[in-house]
Amino acid sequence: MIQPSEDRVFPALEDLLSYTSRRQQALAANVANQDTPGYRAKDYSFQEQLASVTMASTSAKHMMPLEDTSKTRLYEVETEEKPNGNTVDLEREMSELTKNGLQYLTLIEYLNQKVKTLRYAISEGGKV
């Protein structure tokens, strides 16, 4: 039987994977527009996202539902403005793309491990 906290893992992973996908799109758009006059670099905050998926417990054995993670907001990155009004810092963007990619891969690996555990429990659970 899935424990109360376990049934919330997959929705939380789905939300975090969706978040990393949106962030990847925003960072890629920044790189694509690095020479576009007046373009303002945008990003999402991972710390804000993590704070929105924390679980509050009412007891040691019960968990509250996850908060809605779709409340994340895109913000303008505070970087130095170029003479053409563009605020994309390519070094920052490449670094953030790498970190975001690693976060995505970590989430995928965790999801794979959860699925393997469930498969094992299903196939071996009835054997005595």
Protein backbone atom coordinates (compact mmCIF):
# COMPACT_ATOMS: atom_id res chain seq x y z
CA MET A 1 0.00 0.00 0.00
CA ILE A 2 1.29 3.48 -0.86
CA GLN A 3 1.98 5.56 2.23
CA PRO A 4 0.16 8.95 2.54
CA SER A 5 3.36 10.87 1.82
CA GLU A 6 4.22 8.63 -1.15
CA ASP A 7 1.03 9.46 -3.06
CA ARG A 8 2.14 13.12 -3.13
CA VAL A 9 5.59 12.43 -4.57
CA PHE A 10 4.50 12.07 -8.19
CA PRO A 11 2.46 15.31 -8.34
CA ALA A 12 5.36 17.17 -6.70
CA LEU A 13 7.81 15.72 -9.22
CA GLU A 14 5.47 16.61 -12.07
CA ASP A 15 5.28 20.21 -10.85
CA LEU A 16 9.04 20.50 -10.44
CA LEU A 17 9.68 18.98 -13.88
CA SER A 18 7.19 21.41 -15.39
CA TYR A 19 8.95 24.26 -13.62
CA THR A 20 12.39 23.25 -14.93
CA SER A 21 10.92 23.02 -18.42
CA ARG A 22 9.46 26.55 -18.21
CA ARG A 23 12.74 27.85 -16.82
CA GLN A 24 14.72 26.16 -19.61
CA GLN A 25 12.50 27.91 -22.16
CA ALA A 26 13.02 31.31 -20.51
CA LEU A 27 16.80 30.85 -20.32
CA ALA A 28 16.99 29.63 -23.92
CA ALA A 29 14.98 32.68 -25.03
CA ASN A 30 17.51 34.89 -23.23
CA VAL A 31 20.40 33.27 -25.10
CA ALA A 32 18.54 33.51 -28.42
CA ASN A 33 17.95 37.23 -27.82
CA GLN A 34 21.40 38.14 -26.54
CA ASP A 35 21.86 40.69 -29.34
CA THR A 36 18.26 41.92 -29.60
CA PRO A 37 18.12 45.64 -28.77
CA GLY A 38 15.96 46.38 -25.75
CA TYR A 39 15.45 42.72 -24.79
CA ARG A 40 15.19 42.21 -21.01
CA ALA A 41 16.54 38.90 -19.66
CA LYS A 42 13.95 36.84 -17.72
CA ASP A 43 14.12 33.96 -15.26
CA TYR A 44 12.24 31.98 -12.61
CA SER A 45 13.45 31.57 -9.04
CA PHE A 46 14.13 27.96 -8.04
CA GLN A 47 14.14 28.83 -4.34
CA GLU A 48 10.62 30.26 -4.63
CA GLN A 49 9.54 27.12 -6.47
CA LEU A 50 10.95 24.83 -3.79
CA ALA A 51 9.25 26.85 -1.07
CA SER A 52 5.91 26.39 -2.84
CA VAL A 53 6.14 22.57 -2.78
CA THR A 54 7.01 22.06 0.87
CA MET A 55 4.68 19.76 2.72
CA ALA A 56 3.29 20.67 6.13
CA SER A 57 2.49 17.81 8.46
CA THR A 58 -0.37 17.68 10.92
CA SER A 59 1.20 14.70 12.64
CA ALA A 60 4.20 12.47 12.12
CA LYS A 61 2.11 10.16 9.89
CA HIS A 62 -0.08 12.60 7.92
CA MET A 63 0.77 15.13 5.24
CA MET A 64 -1.12 18.17 3.98
CA PRO A 65 -1.79 18.55 0.23
CA LEU A 66 0.83 20.30 -1.85
CA GLU A 67 0.35 23.97 -2.56
CA ASP A 68 -0.34 25.06 -6.13
CA THR A 69 3.07 25.43 -7.80
CA SER A 70 1.69 27.25 -10.83
CA LYS A 71 1.99 30.52 -8.91
CA THR A 72 5.61 31.02 -9.95
CA ARG A 73 6.28 34.26 -11.74
CA LEU A 74 8.72 35.22 -14.42
CA TYR A 75 10.90 38.14 -13.40
CA GLU A 76 13.41 40.39 -15.12
CA VAL A 77 17.00 39.55 -14.28
CA GLU A 78 18.95 42.37 -12.62
CA THR A 79 22.03 42.50 -14.84
CA GLU A 80 23.97 45.35 -16.36
CA GLU A 81 22.27 46.97 -19.32
CA LYS A 82 24.22 47.14 -22.59
CA PRO A 83 24.21 50.33 -24.68
CA ASN A 84 21.44 48.85 -26.88
CA GLY A 85 19.20 48.29 -23.82
CA ASN A 86 19.71 44.51 -23.73
CA THR A 87 20.28 42.91 -20.31
CA VAL A 88 21.34 39.38 -21.32
CA ASP A 89 24.60 38.27 -19.67
CA LEU A 90 25.63 35.22 -21.73
CA GLU A 91 27.93 33.86 -19.02
CA ARG A 92 25.12 33.95 -16.46
CA GLU A 93 22.64 32.39 -18.87
CA MET A 94 24.96 29.50 -19.75
CA SER A 95 25.64 28.85 -16.07
CA GLU A 96 21.92 28.88 -15.23
CA LEU A 97 21.13 26.62 -18.20
CA THR A 98 23.66 24.11 -16.89
CA LYS A 99 22.29 24.24 -13.33
CA ASN A 100 18.71 23.92 -14.56
CA GLY A 101 19.65 20.95 -16.73
CA LEU A 102 21.29 19.23 -13.77
CA GLN A 103 18.20 19.86 -11.63
CA TYR A 104 16.05 18.32 -14.37
CA LEU A 105 18.29 15.25 -14.64
CA THR A 106 18.28 14.83 -10.85
CA LEU A 107 14.47 14.95 -10.79
CA ILE A 108 14.27 12.41 -13.63
CA GLU A 109 16.66 10.07 -11.82
CA TYR A 110 14.62 10.36 -8.62
CA LEU A 111 11.42 9.66 -10.57
CA ASN A 112 13.04 6.61 -12.19
CA GLN A 113 14.05 5.27 -8.77
CA LYS A 114 10.50 5.74 -7.43
CA VAL A 115 9.07 3.88 -10.44
CA LYS A 116 11.60 1.04 -10.01
CA THR A 117 10.64 0.77 -6.33
CA LEU A 118 6.95 0.60 -7.21
CA ARG A 119 7.57 -2.00 -9.93
CA TYR A 120 9.54 -4.12 -7.50
CA ALA A 121 6.82 -3.82 -4.86
CA ILE A 122 4.15 -4.82 -7.40
CA SER A 123 6.08 -7.79 -8.82
CA GLU A 124 7.60 -9.06 -5.56
CA GLY A 125 5.00 -7.86 -3.04
CA GLY A 126 2.72 -10.90 -3.29
CA LYS A 127 5.52 -13.45 -3.04
CA VAL A 128 6.14 -15.12 0.27
